[in-house]
Every structure is written in structure tokens, then in C-alpha cells.
């Protein structure tokens, strides 16, 4: 295998371990530096911009989980390997923690690790230098978003949607798309949903934003092939559950565009459904009566998932992305996904697993009978005008692979 040029930064409080890894990295033609303290680690990180990081979890001054949190604050983009002798369950938990913070946790190396495992990590392709900037998230444009910004965005319709496909796990045929909101601020640049959704809810501005999202998604979907059998998913806020006019608005929009309600899936997080179960019960029952589908999003990370399944009329479950992102490394994650699939099918629910980022995970989902998959391995969210071309290319590729 051809070596990949890069820089490896090792944080391990045992100097001999760090030096041994550094020597092996240099053998594979990668530059390397080993440090024993978090202070030296973060100083080197910013100054040297490594492409790979090897992190020991158990250290006296600052443990590995705290280091991962700090790396997330710095928007670290390096490939990260977590190393320790604490046992697989703890290592897998640290893997999930890092992944949920948005880090590229590429490997888990139980001590004593093998040269083969270390080599595989060191020769994996780096995504990018470690840090694009050294600013904190509260220094970015999102932290300065105000009510005036939101009102202007609503009035001037600055919101747009991107669409991420869902495919059948066995046939790999495209079955639908999830509409995801984006905001391009004319001065502050791109603003991600986690930087404004909560604020919009607090300011009671989520209603008009949801209305615009529904308009954009349904209008876009109405221009797709009517015979394709595709679905369109839209996320709704907990605040929307209390809006008595929402169901009528949605029904009217579908009627005006000739869209069947069965093609529309409303996604709500487990936490949102828990906030007021009576409101959720009323809203979801009305939606299902009119033919719409209702999906419980981020399933498996809340406190009362089973109670919600028994109480509320869901038609679909979306397994939280954290389980798929760690499935190749974690027996626990695989067991949870399989149990969710089995339970859901016994309740006649469709199962979608999010966060699928490699072929191995998709093959596993096929093996256990999961219905649909969504994630970067399949496709990243894309503008609406790019979807048709993407679908044509995918069909052509599939056709050639079958010949």
C-alpha cells in the first residue's frame, strides 16, 4: 500500500509509548511529534496543524474525553485514533462521544495495540489539516444572530433547502429525500440550523420558518417524477405541535400541488414528542388520519422511546446517527440497531438508519433487514437542482454494475 503523506500528533503521558508510535509513523513516511501534556498538545495542534491525532484516554491533567471536547470546540478536522487500556466498552463510549461532537474518530486502538492496527490508521487518507481556525463556536457568526436577523431572513426569504437521499438497504434504490434547511446570511455567511433554530423557537418565529420550509419542500417535490414513488421528509419543531393550523396548512399545500399526503413524512425528535405528549398525540393522529406519515427522529437517545412507540401513531423510526457512525467498531451499537429494527418491524414501522458513512455499515444494515439508509456514504445533502442529475448518474452506475 502506498503511504499517505501527513503529520501525526501523539498525546500520551507515557513518553516511551509516544516515541514508539512516532518512530513507526516516520517509518511510514509521515512526520510525527509526541507530547505528554495537554498544554503541549494544543500548542502543537495550532502551530503544526497535523492530519492525524493519536489520543490516550487516561491522563492525569486532562482526560481524553475533555481533550475531545476541546478539539470539537476548535472544529478539528484531523483523523483521530483513541487509545487506552480501559476496556472496549469505555473505548466505544469515547468513540461515540467524539463522533457526536462532530469529530472524525477513525480508529479505536485498545492497548496493547498491534502494529497492523496502527499502520491501518496511519495510512488512512487525511480529510484535512487539523484546524481551519482557532476560534471558538461562540466567536462565529452564529453567536451574533439576533431577532432582527431572523425576522429579516423570514421577510426576505433567505432560507433554502438541501436534500439528502434515503435508499433501500437491500436494493440500494432511492426511496426518498429529507429536506434540510440552510440559511445564507448576506453579511455573516452560512448559518447552520443549530445556530438559529433554538433561537427561533424561543422568539416564537419557528412557525413562519416551518411554513416556508413546507412551501419550498412541497414545491420542489411536486416537480419530481410523479411515478417515482419517492417520499419527501420535513422536520417539524416541538412548537409546531401546538399550532392547530399546521395540519390544515400542510393538507392545503398538498392539495394545491397535487401531492399525495402519503408521500410526505413529518419528522419530529423524540425529545419534542416528550415535551407535551397530549399535543403530540392530537397532532400526529390528525396527520395520520389525513394520510401523512410521521417519523420519530433521533430514536434511541431519549429516555422514553418505548413508551412513545406505544402511545403515539408513528409510521417510521429513524435510528440516531451515533449508532451507525460507531457500528463498525461497537458491538453495542450493532446490537441496538438490530434490536430497534426487530422491534420496529414487529410494530409494522419502517426503519431508517442515519449516519451511514461506509459500505461496511450499509452491508450490515442489509444483513439485519433494516429498511432504509441515509448518510454521507450514499450522498451528502445537495441543492434541489442537483438531485435529478445525481439520480440519473446513480441509475446509470447501478445499471452498469448489474451487467
Protein backbone atom coordinates (compact mmCIF):
# COMPACT_ATOMS: atom_id res chain seq x y z
CA UNK A 1 0.00 0.00 0.00
CA UNK A 2 1.26 3.41 -0.87
CA UNK A 3 1.95 5.59 2.16
CA UNK A 4 -0.02 8.76 2.70
CA UNK A 5 1.92 11.90 3.48
CA UNK A 6 0.78 13.62 6.62
CA UNK A 7 1.58 14.75 10.15
CA UNK A 8 0.84 12.67 13.24
CA UNK A 9 0.47 14.27 16.66
CA UNK A 10 0.52 11.86 19.62
CA UNK A 11 -0.72 12.69 23.11
CA UNK A 12 0.24 10.04 25.66
CA UNK A 13 1.50 10.66 29.19
CA UNK A 14 3.91 7.72 28.75
CA UNK A 15 6.79 9.22 26.78
CA UNK A 16 8.13 5.85 25.62
CA UNK A 17 4.77 4.92 24.09
CA UNK A 18 4.55 8.23 22.27
CA UNK A 19 8.08 7.92 20.93
CA UNK A 20 7.47 4.36 19.72
CA UNK A 21 4.39 5.44 17.79
CA UNK A 22 6.29 8.42 16.36
CA UNK A 23 9.10 6.16 15.10
CA UNK A 24 6.60 3.87 13.42
CA UNK A 25 4.86 6.83 11.81
CA UNK A 26 8.17 8.07 10.43
CA UNK A 27 8.82 4.59 9.05
CA UNK A 28 5.64 5.07 7.00
CA UNK A 29 6.96 8.44 5.79
CA UNK A 30 4.73 10.60 7.98
CA UNK A 31 6.07 13.43 10.08
CA UNK A 32 5.41 12.91 13.78
CA UNK A 33 5.51 14.64 17.13
CA UNK A 34 4.85 13.10 20.55
CA UNK A 35 3.84 15.14 23.59
CA UNK A 36 2.89 14.18 27.14
CA UNK A 37 0.74 17.10 28.31
CA UNK A 38 -2.49 18.67 27.02
CA UNK A 39 -0.85 22.11 27.09
CA UNK A 40 1.89 20.97 24.73
CA UNK A 41 -0.67 19.09 22.64
CA UNK A 42 -2.92 22.10 21.95
CA UNK A 43 0.04 24.37 21.36
CA UNK A 44 1.44 21.94 18.78
CA UNK A 45 -2.02 21.37 17.28
CA UNK A 46 -2.48 25.04 16.38
CA UNK A 47 1.12 25.66 15.37
CA UNK A 48 1.73 22.44 13.41
CA UNK A 49 -1.72 21.50 12.00
CA UNK A 50 -1.46 17.68 11.99
CA UNK A 51 -3.59 15.47 9.76
CA UNK A 52 -3.72 12.58 12.25
CA UNK A 53 -4.05 12.51 16.05
CA UNK A 54 -3.50 9.59 18.41
CA UNK A 55 -5.02 10.27 21.82
CA UNK A 56 -4.60 8.36 25.07
CA UNK A 57 -7.81 8.50 27.12
CA UNK A 58 -6.40 8.19 30.63
CA UNK A 59 -4.09 11.05 31.58
CA UNK A 60 -3.50 12.86 34.89
CA UNK A 61 -4.02 16.53 33.97
CA UNK A 62 -6.86 16.39 31.46
CA UNK A 63 -8.55 13.16 30.39
CA UNK A 64 -9.15 12.14 26.79
CA UNK A 65 -12.85 12.98 26.77
CA UNK A 66 -12.04 16.55 27.82
CA UNK A 67 -9.45 16.72 25.05
CA UNK A 68 -12.06 15.52 22.54
CA UNK A 69 -14.46 18.22 23.74
CA UNK A 70 -11.76 20.83 23.26
CA UNK A 71 -10.96 19.51 19.78
CA UNK A 72 -14.63 19.83 18.88
CA UNK A 73 -14.59 23.43 20.10
CA UNK A 74 -11.72 24.04 17.70
CA UNK A 75 -13.64 22.42 14.81
CA UNK A 76 -10.85 19.87 14.45
CA UNK A 77 -10.82 18.03 11.12
CA UNK A 78 -7.91 15.66 11.71
CA UNK A 79 -8.35 11.90 11.73
CA UNK A 80 -8.35 10.74 15.35
CA UNK A 81 -7.46 7.41 16.93
CA UNK A 82 -8.45 6.82 20.55
CA UNK A 83 -6.05 4.63 22.50
CA UNK A 84 -6.27 3.19 26.02
CA UNK A 85 -6.27 0.07 28.13
CA UNK A 86 -9.58 0.87 29.83
CA UNK A 87 -11.61 -1.79 28.00
CA UNK A 88 -13.71 -1.93 24.88
CA UNK A 89 -16.96 -0.59 26.36
CA UNK A 90 -15.26 2.58 27.58
CA UNK A 91 -13.33 2.96 24.34
CA UNK A 92 -16.51 2.56 22.31
CA UNK A 93 -18.29 5.10 24.51
CA UNK A 94 -15.44 7.56 23.89
CA UNK A 95 -15.72 6.82 20.17
CA UNK A 96 -19.42 7.68 20.23
CA UNK A 97 -18.77 10.81 22.26
CA UNK A 98 -16.18 12.07 19.79
CA UNK A 99 -18.35 11.23 16.78
CA UNK A 100 -21.35 13.01 18.27
CA UNK A 101 -19.18 16.07 18.77
CA UNK A 102 -18.58 16.03 15.02
CA UNK A 103 -15.01 14.69 15.14
CA UNK A 104 -13.53 12.19 12.67
CA UNK A 105 -12.91 9.27 15.04
CA UNK A 106 -11.29 6.95 12.55
CA UNK A 107 -9.96 4.23 14.85
CA UNK A 108 -10.09 2.74 18.34
CA UNK A 109 -6.80 1.21 19.49
CA UNK A 110 -7.06 -0.89 22.67
CA UNK A 111 -3.69 -1.12 24.43
CA UNK A 112 -1.59 -3.01 23.72
CA UNK A 113 -2.46 -2.38 20.08
CA UNK A 114 -0.99 -4.20 17.12
CA UNK A 115 1.34 -2.72 14.55
CA UNK A 116 -1.17 -3.71 11.86
CA UNK A 117 -3.98 -1.69 13.51
CA UNK A 118 -1.73 1.32 13.97
CA UNK A 119 -0.47 1.05 10.40
CA UNK A 120 -4.03 0.97 9.04
CA UNK A 121 -4.85 4.19 10.88
CA UNK A 122 -1.64 5.97 9.93
CA UNK A 123 -2.10 5.18 6.25
CA UNK A 124 -5.75 6.23 6.14
CA UNK A 125 -6.35 9.26 3.97
CA UNK A 126 -6.44 12.51 5.94
CA UNK A 127 -9.57 14.60 5.38
CA UNK A 128 -7.97 17.97 6.09
CA UNK A 129 -5.47 19.75 8.33
CA UNK A 130 -6.46 19.69 11.97
CA UNK A 131 -7.94 23.13 12.42
CA UNK A 132 -9.33 25.59 9.91
CA UNK A 133 -9.39 28.32 12.52
CA UNK A 134 -8.69 28.55 16.24
CA UNK A 135 -11.86 30.43 17.03
CA UNK A 136 -14.47 29.06 19.43
CA UNK A 137 -18.01 28.42 18.24
CA UNK A 138 -19.16 31.45 20.24
CA UNK A 139 -16.81 33.60 18.16
CA UNK A 140 -18.51 32.64 14.89
CA UNK A 141 -21.27 34.44 13.12
CA UNK A 142 -23.92 32.16 14.63
CA UNK A 143 -23.38 33.60 18.10
CA UNK A 144 -24.34 37.08 16.93
CA UNK A 145 -27.60 36.11 15.22
CA UNK A 146 -30.36 38.35 16.55
CA UNK A 147 -34.14 38.52 16.40
CA UNK A 148 -33.76 41.24 13.76
CA UNK A 149 -31.64 38.87 11.65
CA UNK A 150 -34.31 36.17 11.87
CA UNK A 151 -37.18 38.50 11.06
CA UNK A 152 -35.29 39.85 8.05
CA UNK A 153 -34.48 36.29 6.88
CA UNK A 154 -38.17 35.37 7.09
CA UNK A 155 -39.37 38.54 5.37
CA UNK A 156 -36.76 38.35 2.62
CA UNK A 157 -36.87 34.55 2.30
CA UNK A 158 -33.19 33.90 2.81
CA UNK A 159 -33.80 30.27 3.75
CA UNK A 160 -33.13 27.50 1.27
CA UNK A 161 -33.30 23.72 1.35
CA UNK A 162 -30.87 20.96 0.54
CA UNK A 163 -31.95 17.36 0.07
CA UNK A 164 -30.34 14.16 1.33
CA UNK A 165 -31.46 10.87 -0.24
CA UNK A 166 -32.57 7.70 1.53
CA UNK A 167 -32.00 4.36 -0.19
CA UNK A 168 -33.38 0.87 0.30
CA UNK A 169 -30.75 -1.13 2.20
CA UNK A 170 -31.11 -4.23 0.01
CA UNK A 171 -31.82 -2.91 -3.48
CA UNK A 172 -29.95 0.41 -2.94
CA UNK A 173 -32.77 2.09 -4.88
CA UNK A 174 -33.54 5.70 -3.92
CA UNK A 175 -36.78 5.81 -1.92
CA UNK A 176 -36.98 9.41 -0.75
CA UNK A 177 -35.32 12.62 0.38
CA UNK A 178 -35.06 14.58 3.59
CA UNK A 179 -35.34 18.36 3.24
CA UNK A 180 -32.79 20.19 5.39
CA UNK A 181 -32.92 23.93 6.00
CA UNK A 182 -29.98 26.25 5.32
CA UNK A 183 -29.62 30.00 5.79
CA UNK A 184 -27.26 32.16 3.79
CA UNK A 185 -26.92 35.43 5.70
CA UNK A 186 -25.99 38.25 3.29
CA UNK A 187 -23.27 39.53 5.63
CA UNK A 188 -22.47 36.79 8.14
CA UNK A 189 -22.44 34.00 5.60
CA UNK A 190 -23.81 30.46 6.05
CA UNK A 191 -25.72 29.93 9.29
CA UNK A 192 -26.35 26.31 10.28
CA UNK A 193 -29.64 25.19 11.87
CA UNK A 194 -28.15 24.62 15.30
CA UNK A 195 -27.21 28.30 15.31
CA UNK A 196 -30.75 29.61 14.81
CA UNK A 197 -33.49 27.00 15.32
CA UNK A 198 -33.46 27.20 19.12
CA UNK A 199 -33.45 30.98 18.96
CA UNK A 200 -36.35 30.97 16.52
CA UNK A 201 -38.33 28.74 18.89
CA UNK A 202 -37.57 30.99 21.85
CA UNK A 203 -38.73 34.03 19.87
CA UNK A 204 -41.86 32.27 18.53
CA UNK A 205 -40.59 32.63 14.98
CA UNK A 206 -40.45 28.93 14.16
CA UNK A 207 -43.99 28.98 12.71
CA UNK A 208 -43.26 31.16 9.67
CA UNK A 209 -39.94 29.39 9.14
CA UNK A 210 -41.69 26.00 9.12
CA UNK A 211 -44.28 27.38 6.70
CA UNK A 212 -41.53 28.46 4.30
CA UNK A 213 -39.79 25.09 4.60
CA UNK A 214 -43.03 23.25 3.80
CA UNK A 215 -43.62 25.51 0.77
CA UNK A 216 -40.09 25.01 -0.55
CA UNK A 217 -40.08 21.23 0.02
CA UNK A 218 -43.52 20.54 -1.44
CA UNK A 219 -42.94 22.81 -4.45
CA UNK A 220 -39.63 21.11 -5.17
CA UNK A 221 -41.09 17.64 -4.71
CA UNK A 222 -44.02 18.41 -7.00
CA UNK A 223 -41.58 18.77 -9.90
CA UNK A 224 -40.09 15.29 -9.46
CA UNK A 225 -41.34 12.27 -11.40
CA UNK A 226 -44.86 11.51 -10.22
CA UNK A 227 -44.42 7.80 -10.88
CA UNK A 228 -41.20 7.50 -8.90
CA UNK A 229 -42.82 6.60 -5.59
CA UNK A 230 -40.37 8.81 -3.72
CA UNK A 231 -41.13 10.39 -0.35
CA UNK A 232 -40.20 13.83 1.00
CA UNK A 233 -39.38 14.27 4.70
CA UNK A 234 -39.66 17.58 6.55
CA UNK A 235 -38.54 18.26 10.12
CA UNK A 236 -41.01 19.92 12.44
CA UNK A 237 -40.34 21.62 15.76
CA UNK A 238 -41.94 20.86 19.12
CA UNK A 239 -43.55 24.30 18.84
CA UNK A 240 -45.33 23.17 15.67
CA UNK A 241 -47.15 20.50 17.66
CA UNK A 242 -49.17 23.27 19.31
CA UNK A 243 -50.06 25.01 16.05
CA UNK A 244 -53.65 23.97 15.33
CA UNK A 245 -53.46 25.41 11.80
CA UNK A 246 -50.40 23.41 10.72
CA UNK A 247 -52.23 20.26 9.62
CA UNK A 248 -54.67 22.27 7.52
CA UNK A 249 -51.84 24.32 6.01
CA UNK A 250 -49.98 21.17 5.04
CA UNK A 251 -53.07 19.48 3.65
CA UNK A 252 -53.93 22.56 1.60
CA UNK A 253 -50.42 22.78 0.21
CA UNK A 254 -50.53 19.15 -0.92
CA UNK A 255 -53.96 19.62 -2.48
CA UNK A 256 -52.81 22.74 -4.38
CA UNK A 257 -49.77 20.97 -5.81
CA UNK A 258 -51.42 17.61 -6.43
CA UNK A 259 -49.16 15.79 -3.97
CA UNK A 260 -50.45 12.71 -2.17
CA UNK A 261 -50.20 13.09 1.63
CA UNK A 262 -48.81 9.53 1.79
CA UNK A 263 -45.62 10.83 0.15
CA UNK A 264 -44.98 13.39 2.91
CA UNK A 265 -43.17 12.39 6.11
CA UNK A 266 -43.09 14.72 9.12
CA UNK A 267 -40.05 14.11 11.32
CA UNK A 268 -40.12 15.07 14.99
CA UNK A 269 -37.44 14.35 17.57
CA UNK A 270 -38.14 12.06 20.47
CA UNK A 271 -37.48 14.94 22.85
CA UNK A 272 -40.01 17.15 21.10
CA UNK A 273 -42.65 14.43 21.29
CA UNK A 274 -41.95 14.07 25.02
CA UNK A 275 -42.43 17.78 25.74
CA UNK A 276 -46.22 17.58 25.54
CA UNK A 277 -47.45 14.10 24.72
CA UNK A 278 -51.10 15.11 24.56
CA UNK A 279 -50.39 17.78 21.92
CA UNK A 280 -48.23 15.27 20.04
CA UNK A 281 -50.97 12.66 20.23
CA UNK A 282 -53.57 15.07 18.84
CA UNK A 283 -51.30 16.39 16.08
CA UNK A 284 -49.97 13.01 14.95
CA UNK A 285 -53.41 11.42 14.99
CA UNK A 286 -54.78 14.18 12.74
CA UNK A 287 -51.79 13.87 10.40
CA UNK A 288 -52.16 10.10 10.12
CA UNK A 289 -55.91 10.38 9.58
CA UNK A 290 -55.23 12.61 6.58
CA UNK A 291 -52.68 10.17 5.16
CA UNK A 292 -49.40 11.81 6.18
CA UNK A 293 -46.53 9.76 7.60
CA UNK A 294 -44.96 10.60 10.98
CA UNK A 295 -41.38 9.70 11.87
CA UNK A 296 -39.67 9.72 15.26
CA UNK A 297 -36.22 11.17 14.69
CA UNK A 298 -33.01 10.52 16.66
CA UNK A 299 -34.53 7.35 18.10
CA UNK A 300 -32.57 5.65 20.86
CA UNK A 301 -31.04 8.64 22.65
CA UNK A 302 -34.08 9.77 24.67
CA UNK A 303 -35.50 8.49 27.93
CA UNK A 304 -38.88 7.07 26.96
CA UNK A 305 -38.62 5.72 23.44
CA UNK A 306 -40.63 2.55 24.08
CA UNK A 307 -43.42 4.43 25.84
CA UNK A 308 -43.65 6.82 22.90
CA UNK A 309 -43.91 3.98 20.41
CA UNK A 310 -46.81 2.51 22.34
CA UNK A 311 -48.60 5.84 22.76
CA UNK A 312 -48.07 7.81 19.53
CA UNK A 313 -49.07 6.74 15.98
CA UNK A 314 -45.68 6.79 14.29
CA UNK A 315 -45.17 5.16 10.90
CA UNK A 316 -41.37 5.36 10.80
CA UNK A 317 -38.38 5.29 13.13
CA UNK A 318 -35.06 6.98 12.37
CA UNK A 319 -32.22 5.42 14.33
CA UNK A 320 -29.93 8.12 15.70
CA UNK A 321 -26.81 8.62 13.61
CA UNK A 322 -24.46 7.99 16.55
CA UNK A 323 -25.19 4.25 16.40
CA UNK A 324 -24.43 3.89 12.69
CA UNK A 325 -21.30 6.00 12.96
CA UNK A 326 -19.87 3.59 15.54
CA UNK A 327 -21.40 0.36 14.21
CA UNK A 328 -18.22 -0.95 12.61
CA UNK A 329 -16.34 -0.63 15.91
CA UNK A 330 -19.02 -1.23 18.55
CA UNK A 331 -20.89 -4.45 19.31
CA UNK A 332 -23.25 -2.41 21.49
CA UNK A 333 -24.20 -0.11 18.62
CA UNK A 334 -24.83 -3.03 16.29
CA UNK A 335 -26.97 -4.74 18.93
CA UNK A 336 -29.03 -1.57 19.48
CA UNK A 337 -29.64 -1.09 15.75
CA UNK A 338 -30.65 -4.73 15.29
CA UNK A 339 -32.98 -4.63 18.32
CA UNK A 340 -34.57 -1.44 17.01
CA UNK A 341 -35.12 -2.99 13.59
CA UNK A 342 -36.68 -6.13 15.09
CA UNK A 343 -38.92 -4.12 17.45
CA UNK A 344 -39.99 -1.70 14.73
CA UNK A 345 -40.90 -4.45 12.29
CA UNK A 346 -42.97 -6.17 14.98
CA UNK A 347 -44.91 -2.89 15.23
CA UNK A 348 -45.17 -2.55 11.43
CA UNK A 349 -42.91 0.50 11.35
CA UNK A 350 -40.38 1.43 8.67
CA UNK A 351 -36.80 1.82 9.95
CA UNK A 352 -34.34 4.39 8.61
CA UNK A 353 -30.77 4.45 9.89
CA UNK A 354 -28.96 7.77 9.62
CA UNK A 355 -25.22 8.45 9.65
CA UNK A 356 -24.19 5.70 7.23
CA UNK A 357 -20.68 6.63 6.19
CA UNK A 358 -19.19 3.43 4.74
CA UNK A 359 -20.04 0.31 2.74
CA UNK A 360 -19.50 -1.98 5.73
CA UNK A 361 -22.25 -0.26 7.72
CA UNK A 362 -24.67 -0.36 4.80
CA UNK A 363 -23.98 -4.07 4.29
CA UNK A 364 -24.65 -4.67 7.99
CA UNK A 365 -27.99 -2.85 7.74
CA UNK A 366 -28.93 -5.02 4.76
CA UNK A 367 -27.98 -8.15 6.70
CA UNK A 368 -30.23 -7.32 9.68
CA UNK A 369 -33.17 -6.28 7.49
CA UNK A 370 -33.15 -2.52 8.03
CA UNK A 371 -35.42 -0.81 5.51
CA UNK A 372 -33.71 2.45 4.55
CA UNK A 373 -30.32 4.11 4.99
CA UNK A 374 -29.19 7.72 4.86
CA UNK A 375 -25.72 9.21 5.18
CA UNK A 376 -22.60 10.55 3.51
CA UNK A 377 -21.71 7.15 2.01
CA UNK A 378 -24.88 7.37 -0.06
CA UNK A 379 -24.81 11.11 -0.70
CA UNK A 380 -24.33 14.41 1.07
CA UNK A 381 -27.21 16.89 1.17
CA UNK A 382 -27.43 18.61 -2.21
CA UNK A 383 -29.30 21.54 -3.77
CA UNK A 384 -32.63 20.68 -5.32
CA UNK A 385 -31.46 21.34 -8.88
CA UNK A 386 -28.67 18.78 -8.47
CA UNK A 387 -30.94 15.90 -7.44
CA UNK A 388 -32.19 14.81 -10.89
CA UNK A 389 -28.67 14.64 -12.31
CA UNK A 390 -27.49 12.71 -9.24
CA UNK A 391 -30.34 10.22 -9.65
CA UNK A 392 -29.58 9.72 -13.34
CA UNK A 393 -25.91 9.10 -12.61
CA UNK A 394 -26.79 6.69 -9.82
CA UNK A 395 -29.17 4.72 -12.08
CA UNK A 396 -26.55 4.52 -14.81
CA UNK A 397 -23.92 3.35 -12.34
CA UNK A 398 -26.29 0.73 -10.93
CA UNK A 399 -27.17 -0.49 -14.41
CA UNK A 400 -23.51 -0.95 -15.36
CA UNK A 401 -22.78 -2.75 -12.11
CA UNK A 402 -25.56 -5.22 -12.88
CA UNK A 403 -24.27 -6.04 -16.37
